[in-house]
PDB file of all heavy atoms in Angstrom:
ATOM      1  N   ALA A   1       0.841  -1.193   0.000  1.00  0.00           N
ATOM      2  CA  ALA A   1       0.000   0.000   0.000  1.00  0.00           C
ATOM      3  C   ALA A   1       0.876   1.244   0.000  1.00  0.00           C
ATOM      4  O   ALA A   1       1.931   1.281   0.638  1.00  0.00           O
ATOM      5  CB  ALA A   1      -0.911   0.004   1.226  1.00  0.00           C
ATOM      6  N   LEU A   2       0.438   2.268  -0.728  1.00  0.00           N
ATOM      7  CA  LEU A   2       1.132   3.548  -0.741  1.00  0.00           C
ATOM      8  C   LEU A   2       0.649   4.421   0.409  1.00  0.00           C
ATOM      9  O   LEU A   2      -0.549   4.472   0.703  1.00  0.00           O
ATOM     10  CB  LEU A   2       0.880   4.275  -2.062  1.00  0.00           C
ATOM     11  CG  LEU A   2       1.785   3.935  -3.242  1.00  0.00           C
ATOM     12  CD1 LEU A   2       1.331   4.688  -4.482  1.00  0.00           C
ATOM     13  CD2 LEU A   2       3.237   4.260  -2.933  1.00  0.00           C
ATOM     14  N   SER A   3       1.595   5.102   1.047  1.00  0.00           N
ATOM     15  CA  SER A   3       1.278   6.085   2.073  1.00  0.00           C
ATOM     16  C   SER A   3       2.130   7.309   1.765  1.00  0.00           C
ATOM     17  O   SER A   3       3.321   7.350   2.095  1.00  0.00           O
ATOM     18  CB  SER A   3       1.587   5.545   3.464  1.00  0.00           C
ATOM     19  OG  SER A   3       1.382   6.535   4.445  1.00  0.00           O
ATOM     20  N   GLY A   4       1.539   8.268   1.094  1.00  0.00           N
ATOM     21  CA  GLY A   4       2.326   9.398   0.611  1.00  0.00           C
ATOM     22  C   GLY A   4       3.290   8.920  -0.456  1.00  0.00           C
ATOM     23  O   GLY A   4       2.888   8.291  -1.436  1.00  0.00           O
ATOM     24  N   ASP A   5       4.567   9.195  -0.234  1.00  0.00           N
ATOM     25  CA  ASP A   5       5.595   8.752  -1.185  1.00  0.00           C
ATOM     26  C   ASP A   5       6.226   7.431  -0.781  1.00  0.00           C
ATOM     27  O   ASP A   5       7.146   6.951  -1.466  1.00  0.00           O
ATOM     28  CB  ASP A   5       6.693   9.822  -1.301  1.00  0.00           C
ATOM     29  CG  ASP A   5       6.184  11.107  -1.929  1.00  0.00           C
ATOM     30  OD1 ASP A   5       5.253  11.017  -2.758  1.00  0.00           O
ATOM     31  OD2 ASP A   5       6.706  12.175  -1.586  1.00  0.00           O
ATOM     32  N   ASP A   6       5.787   6.840   0.316  1.00  0.00           N
ATOM     33  CA  ASP A   6       6.371   5.596   0.809  1.00  0.00           C
ATOM     34  C   ASP A   6       5.502   4.396   0.442  1.00  0.00           C
ATOM     35  O   ASP A   6       4.271   4.500   0.360  1.00  0.00           O
ATOM     36  CB  ASP A   6       6.530   5.634   2.331  1.00  0.00           C
ATOM     37  CG  ASP A   6       7.576   6.634   2.780  1.00  0.00           C
ATOM     38  OD1 ASP A   6       8.381   7.061   1.934  1.00  0.00           O
ATOM     39  OD2 ASP A   6       7.582   6.989   3.977  1.00  0.00           O
ATOM     40  N   LEU A   7       6.167   3.285   0.243  1.00  0.00           N
ATOM     41  CA  LEU A   7       5.475   2.024  -0.015  1.00  0.00           C
ATOM     42  C   LEU A   7       5.589   1.149   1.226  1.00  0.00           C
ATOM     43  O   LEU A   7       6.701   0.915   1.717  1.00  0.00           O
ATOM     44  CB  LEU A   7       6.100   1.319  -1.221  1.00  0.00           C
ATOM     45  CG  LEU A   7       5.504  -0.036  -1.607  1.00  0.00           C
ATOM     46  CD1 LEU A   7       4.077   0.129  -2.100  1.00  0.00           C
ATOM     47  CD2 LEU A   7       6.371  -0.704  -2.681  1.00  0.00           C
ATOM     48  N   HIS A   8       4.453   0.695   1.743  1.00  0.00           N
ATOM     49  CA  HIS A   8       4.441  -0.186   2.909  1.00  0.00           C
ATOM     50  C   HIS A   8       4.044  -1.589   2.463  1.00  0.00           C
ATOM     51  O   HIS A   8       3.036  -1.768   1.772  1.00  0.00           O
ATOM     52  CB  HIS A   8       3.479   0.335   3.980  1.00  0.00           C
ATOM     53  CG  HIS A   8       3.924   1.614   4.606  1.00  0.00           C
ATOM     54  ND1 HIS A   8       4.906   1.670   5.569  1.00  0.00           N
ATOM     55  CD2 HIS A   8       3.553   2.896   4.378  1.00  0.00           C
ATOM     56  CE1 HIS A   8       5.106   2.918   5.922  1.00  0.00           C
ATOM     57  NE2 HIS A   8       4.301   3.687   5.211  1.00  0.00           N
ATOM     58  N   ILE A   9       4.840  -2.568   2.869  1.00  0.00           N
ATOM     59  CA  ILE A   9       4.635  -3.956   2.456  1.00  0.00           C
ATOM     60  C   ILE A   9       4.483  -4.809   3.703  1.00  0.00           C
ATOM     61  O   ILE A   9       5.367  -4.824   4.573  1.00  0.00           O
ATOM     62  CB  ILE A   9       5.825  -4.464   1.614  1.00  0.00           C
ATOM     63  CG1 ILE A   9       6.024  -3.569   0.384  1.00  0.00           C
ATOM     64  CG2 ILE A   9       5.612  -5.914   1.195  1.00  0.00           C
ATOM     65  CD1 ILE A   9       7.319  -3.844  -0.355  1.00  0.00           C
ATOM     66  N   GLU A  10       3.366  -5.501   3.792  1.00  0.00           N
ATOM     67  CA  GLU A  10       3.120  -6.421   4.910  1.00  0.00           C
ATOM     68  C   GLU A  10       3.219  -7.844   4.379  1.00  0.00           C
ATOM     69  O   GLU A  10       2.446  -8.244   3.500  1.00  0.00           O
ATOM     70  CB  GLU A  10       1.747  -6.175   5.514  1.00  0.00           C
ATOM     71  CG  GLU A  10       1.449  -7.060   6.717  1.00  0.00           C
ATOM     72  CD  GLU A  10       0.091  -6.772   7.329  1.00  0.00           C
ATOM     73  OE1 GLU A  10      -0.430  -5.661   7.110  1.00  0.00           O
ATOM     74  OE2 GLU A  10      -0.454  -7.668   7.993  1.00  0.00           O
ATOM     75  N   LEU A  11       4.182  -8.600   4.899  1.00  0.00           N
ATOM     76  CA  LEU A  11       4.421  -9.963   4.434  1.00  0.00           C
ATOM     77  C   LEU A  11       3.473 -10.942   5.107  1.00  0.00           C
ATOM     78  O   LEU A  11       3.211 -10.842   6.314  1.00  0.00           O
ATOM     79  CB  LEU A  11       5.869 -10.375   4.717  1.00  0.00           C
ATOM     80  CG  LEU A  11       6.961  -9.473   4.135  1.00  0.00           C
ATOM     81  CD1 LEU A  11       8.332  -9.963   4.575  1.00  0.00           C
ATOM     82  CD2 LEU A  11       6.882  -9.433   2.612  1.00  0.00           C
ATOM     83  N   ARG A  12       2.971 -11.902   4.324  1.00  0.00           N
ATOM     84  CA  ARG A  12       2.118 -12.943   4.894  1.00  0.00           C
ATOM     85  C   ARG A  12       2.917 -13.909   5.755  1.00  0.00           C
ATOM     86  O   ARG A  12       2.425 -14.438   6.744  1.00  0.00           O
ATOM     87  CB  ARG A  12       1.423 -13.703   3.769  1.00  0.00           C
ATOM     88  CG  ARG A  12       0.464 -12.871   2.926  1.00  0.00           C
ATOM     89  CD  ARG A  12      -0.628 -12.263   3.766  1.00  0.00           C
ATOM     90  NE  ARG A  12      -1.697 -11.701   2.945  1.00  0.00           N
ATOM     91  CZ  ARG A  12      -2.638 -10.905   3.419  1.00  0.00           C
ATOM     92  NH1 ARG A  12      -2.637 -10.560   4.700  1.00  0.00           N
ATOM     93  NH2 ARG A  12      -3.579 -10.443   2.613  1.00  0.00           N
ATOM     94  N   GLU A  13       4.167 -14.160   5.362  1.00  0.00           N
ATOM     95  CA  GLU A  13       5.091 -14.984   6.129  1.00  0.00           C
ATOM     96  C   GLU A  13       6.376 -14.190   6.310  1.00  0.00           C
ATOM     97  O   GLU A  13       6.773 -13.435   5.416  1.00  0.00           O
ATOM     98  CB  GLU A  13       5.394 -16.306   5.418  1.00  0.00           C
ATOM     99  CG  GLU A  13       4.185 -17.202   5.213  1.00  0.00           C
ATOM    100  CD  GLU A  13       3.653 -17.768   6.519  1.00  0.00           C
ATOM    101  OE1 GLU A  13       4.445 -17.858   7.491  1.00  0.00           O
ATOM    102  OE2 GLU A  13       2.455 -18.099   6.573  1.00  0.00           O
ATOM    103  N   PRO A  14       7.051 -14.330   7.451  1.00  0.00           N
ATOM    104  CA  PRO A  14       8.230 -13.498   7.689  1.00  0.00           C
ATOM    105  C   PRO A  14       9.385 -13.845   6.750  1.00  0.00           C
ATOM    106  O   PRO A  14       9.578 -15.000   6.367  1.00  0.00           O
ATOM    107  CB  PRO A  14       8.595 -13.809   9.146  1.00  0.00           C
ATOM    108  CG  PRO A  14       7.994 -15.154   9.406  1.00  0.00           C
ATOM    109  CD  PRO A  14       6.749 -15.218   8.595  1.00  0.00           C
ATOM    110  N   ALA A  15      10.129 -12.825   6.392  1.00  0.00           N
ATOM    111  CA  ALA A  15      11.374 -12.992   5.632  1.00  0.00           C
ATOM    112  C   ALA A  15      12.542 -12.759   6.582  1.00  0.00           C
ATOM    113  O   ALA A  15      12.388 -12.143   7.645  1.00  0.00           O
ATOM    114  CB  ALA A  15      11.418 -12.009   4.474  1.00  0.00           C
ATOM    115  N   ARG A  16      13.705 -13.239   6.192  1.00  0.00           N
ATOM    116  CA  ARG A  16      14.882 -13.065   7.029  1.00  0.00           C
ATOM    117  C   ARG A  16      15.928 -12.229   6.304  1.00  0.00           C
ATOM    118  O   ARG A  16      16.035 -12.260   5.081  1.00  0.00           O
ATOM    119  CB  ARG A  16      15.500 -14.419   7.397  1.00  0.00           C
ATOM    120  CG  ARG A  16      14.761 -15.190   8.469  1.00  0.00           C
ATOM    121  CD  ARG A  16      15.500 -16.444   8.844  1.00  0.00           C
ATOM    122  NE  ARG A  16      16.880 -16.169   9.253  1.00  0.00           N
ATOM    123  CZ  ARG A  16      17.763 -17.123   9.566  1.00  0.00           C
ATOM    124  NH1 ARG A  16      17.418 -18.391   9.502  1.00  0.00           N
ATOM    125  NH2 ARG A  16      18.984 -16.807   9.924  1.00  0.00           N
ATOM    126  N   ALA A  17      16.715 -11.499   7.103  1.00  0.00           N
ATOM    127  CA  ALA A  17      17.885 -10.781   6.591  1.00  0.00           C
ATOM    128  C   ALA A  17      17.529  -9.833   5.459  1.00  0.00           C
ATOM    129  O   ALA A  17      18.114  -9.862   4.387  1.00  0.00           O
ATOM    130  CB  ALA A  17      18.957 -11.771   6.147  1.00  0.00           C
ATOM    131  N   VAL A  18      16.539  -8.982   5.707  1.00  0.00           N
ATOM    132  CA  VAL A  18      16.138  -7.975   4.726  1.00  0.00           C
ATOM    133  C   VAL A  18      16.902  -6.690   5.041  1.00  0.00           C
ATOM    134  O   VAL A  18      16.723  -6.099   6.106  1.00  0.00           O
ATOM    135  CB  VAL A  18      14.621  -7.722   4.780  1.00  0.00           C
ATOM    136  CG1 VAL A  18      14.219  -6.696   3.741  1.00  0.00           C
ATOM    137  CG2 VAL A  18      13.865  -9.029   4.579  1.00  0.00           C
ATOM    138  N   ALA A  19      17.744  -6.264   4.131  1.00  0.00           N
ATOM    139  CA  ALA A  19      18.643  -5.150   4.399  1.00  0.00           C
ATOM    140  C   ALA A  19      18.169  -3.862   3.739  1.00  0.00           C
ATOM    141  O   ALA A  19      17.800  -3.867   2.564  1.00  0.00           O
ATOM    142  CB  ALA A  19      20.048  -5.488   3.909  1.00  0.00           C
ATOM    143  N   PRO A  20      18.176  -2.752   4.449  1.00  0.00           N
ATOM    144  CA  PRO A  20      17.930  -1.459   3.815  1.00  0.00           C
ATOM    145  C   PRO A  20      18.906  -1.242   2.649  1.00  0.00           C
ATOM    146  O   PRO A  20      20.078  -1.603   2.727  1.00  0.00           O
ATOM    147  CB  PRO A  20      18.189  -0.458   4.949  1.00  0.00           C
ATOM    148  CG  PRO A  20      17.890  -1.230   6.199  1.00  0.00           C
ATOM    149  CD  PRO A  20      18.378  -2.626   5.913  1.00  0.00           C
ATOM    150  N   GLY A  21      18.398  -0.639   1.580  1.00  0.00           N
ATOM    151  CA  GLY A  21      19.204  -0.440   0.385  1.00  0.00           C
ATOM    152  C   GLY A  21      18.887  -1.422  -0.714  1.00  0.00           C
ATOM    153  O   GLY A  21      19.123  -1.136  -1.898  1.00  0.00           O
ATOM    154  N   GLN A  22      18.348  -2.584  -0.340  1.00  0.00           N
ATOM    155  CA  GLN A  22      17.936  -3.557  -1.345  1.00  0.00           C
ATOM    156  C   GLN A  22      16.635  -3.104  -2.002  1.00  0.00           C
ATOM    157  O   GLN A  22      15.918  -2.257  -1.482  1.00  0.00           O
ATOM    158  CB  GLN A  22      17.733  -4.934  -0.696  1.00  0.00           C
ATOM    159  CG  GLN A  22      19.004  -5.563  -0.150  1.00  0.00           C
ATOM    160  CD  GLN A  22      18.717  -6.858   0.602  1.00  0.00           C
ATOM    161  OE1 GLN A  22      17.670  -7.016   1.196  1.00  0.00           O
ATOM    162  NE2 GLN A  22      19.674  -7.773   0.582  1.00  0.00           N
ATOM    163  N   ALA A  23      16.337  -3.700  -3.143  1.00  0.00           N
ATOM    164  CA  ALA A  23      15.085  -3.382  -3.829  1.00  0.00           C
ATOM    165  C   ALA A  23      13.997  -4.355  -3.410  1.00  0.00           C
ATOM    166  O   ALA A  23      14.246  -5.550  -3.229  1.00  0.00           O
ATOM    167  CB  ALA A  23      15.277  -3.447  -5.339  1.00  0.00           C
ATOM    168  N   ALA A  24      12.798  -3.829  -3.243  1.00  0.00           N
ATOM    169  CA  ALA A  24      11.600  -4.654  -3.072  1.00  0.00           C
ATOM    170  C   ALA A  24      10.825  -4.574  -4.375  1.00  0.00           C
ATOM    171  O   ALA A  24      10.363  -3.498  -4.758  1.00  0.00           O
ATOM    172  CB  ALA A  24      10.759  -4.147  -1.912  1.00  0.00           C
ATOM    173  N   VAL A  25      10.711  -5.700  -5.079  1.00  0.00           N
ATOM    174  CA  VAL A  25      10.054  -5.717  -6.387  1.00  0.00           C
ATOM    175  C   VAL A  25       8.739  -6.473  -6.264  1.00  0.00           C
ATOM    176  O   VAL A  25       8.713  -7.630  -5.824  1.00  0.00           O
ATOM    177  CB  VAL A  25      10.949  -6.370  -7.453  1.00  0.00           C
ATOM    178  CG1 VAL A  25      10.229  -6.418  -8.795  1.00  0.00           C
ATOM    179  CG2 VAL A  25      12.259  -5.593  -7.581  1.00  0.00           C
ATOM    180  N   LEU A  26       7.661  -5.813  -6.641  1.00  0.00           N
ATOM    181  CA  LEU A  26       6.327  -6.391  -6.553  1.00  0.00           C
ATOM    182  C   LEU A  26       5.945  -7.074  -7.862  1.00  0.00           C
ATOM    183  O   LEU A  26       6.198  -6.545  -8.947  1.00  0.00           O
ATOM    184  CB  LEU A  26       5.299  -5.302  -6.233  1.00  0.00           C
ATOM    185  CG  LEU A  26       5.532  -4.487  -4.956  1.00  0.00           C
ATOM    186  CD1 LEU A  26       4.444  -3.426  -4.815  1.00  0.00           C
ATOM    187  CD2 LEU A  26       5.580  -5.383  -3.728  1.00  0.00           C
ATOM    188  N   TYR A  27       5.302  -8.239  -7.741  1.00  0.00           N
ATOM    189  CA  TYR A  27       4.884  -9.020  -8.895  1.00  0.00           C
ATOM    190  C   TYR A  27       3.415  -9.408  -8.772  1.00  0.00           C
ATOM    191  O   TYR A  27       2.914  -9.642  -7.674  1.00  0.00           O
ATOM    192  CB  TYR A  27       5.695 -10.317  -9.006  1.00  0.00           C
ATOM    193  CG  TYR A  27       7.149 -10.151  -9.386  1.00  0.00           C
ATOM    194  CD1 TYR A  27       8.114  -9.886  -8.425  1.00  0.00           C
ATOM    195  CD2 TYR A  27       7.557 -10.302 -10.712  1.00  0.00           C
ATOM    196  CE1 TYR A  27       9.448  -9.761  -8.766  1.00  0.00           C
ATOM    197  CE2 TYR A  27       8.891 -10.184 -11.060  1.00  0.00           C
ATOM    198  CZ  TYR A  27       9.826  -9.912 -10.085  1.00  0.00           C
ATOM    199  OH  TYR A  27      11.162  -9.789 -10.431  1.00  0.00           O
ATOM    200  N   ASP A  28       2.767  -9.507  -9.913  1.00  0.00           N
ATOM    201  CA  ASP A  28       1.476 -10.174 -10.047  1.00  0.00           C
ATOM    202  C   ASP A  28       1.731 -11.373 -10.946  1.00  0.00           C
ATOM    203  O   ASP A  28       1.832 -11.229 -12.161  1.00  0.00           O
ATOM    204  CB  ASP A  28       0.446  -9.245 -10.663  1.00  0.00           C
ATOM    205  CG  ASP A  28      -0.911  -9.918 -10.861  1.00  0.00           C
ATOM    206  OD1 ASP A  28      -1.088 -11.064 -10.386  1.00  0.00           O
ATOM    207  OD2 ASP A  28      -1.785  -9.323 -11.512  1.00  0.00           O
TER     208      ASP A  28
END
């Protein structure tokens, strides 16, 4: 979901070792 200029992503299952600076790419 977009909140202003930020993208908020809520994972259904937890991910590990997610580092700031990496890209989050959304797919359908």
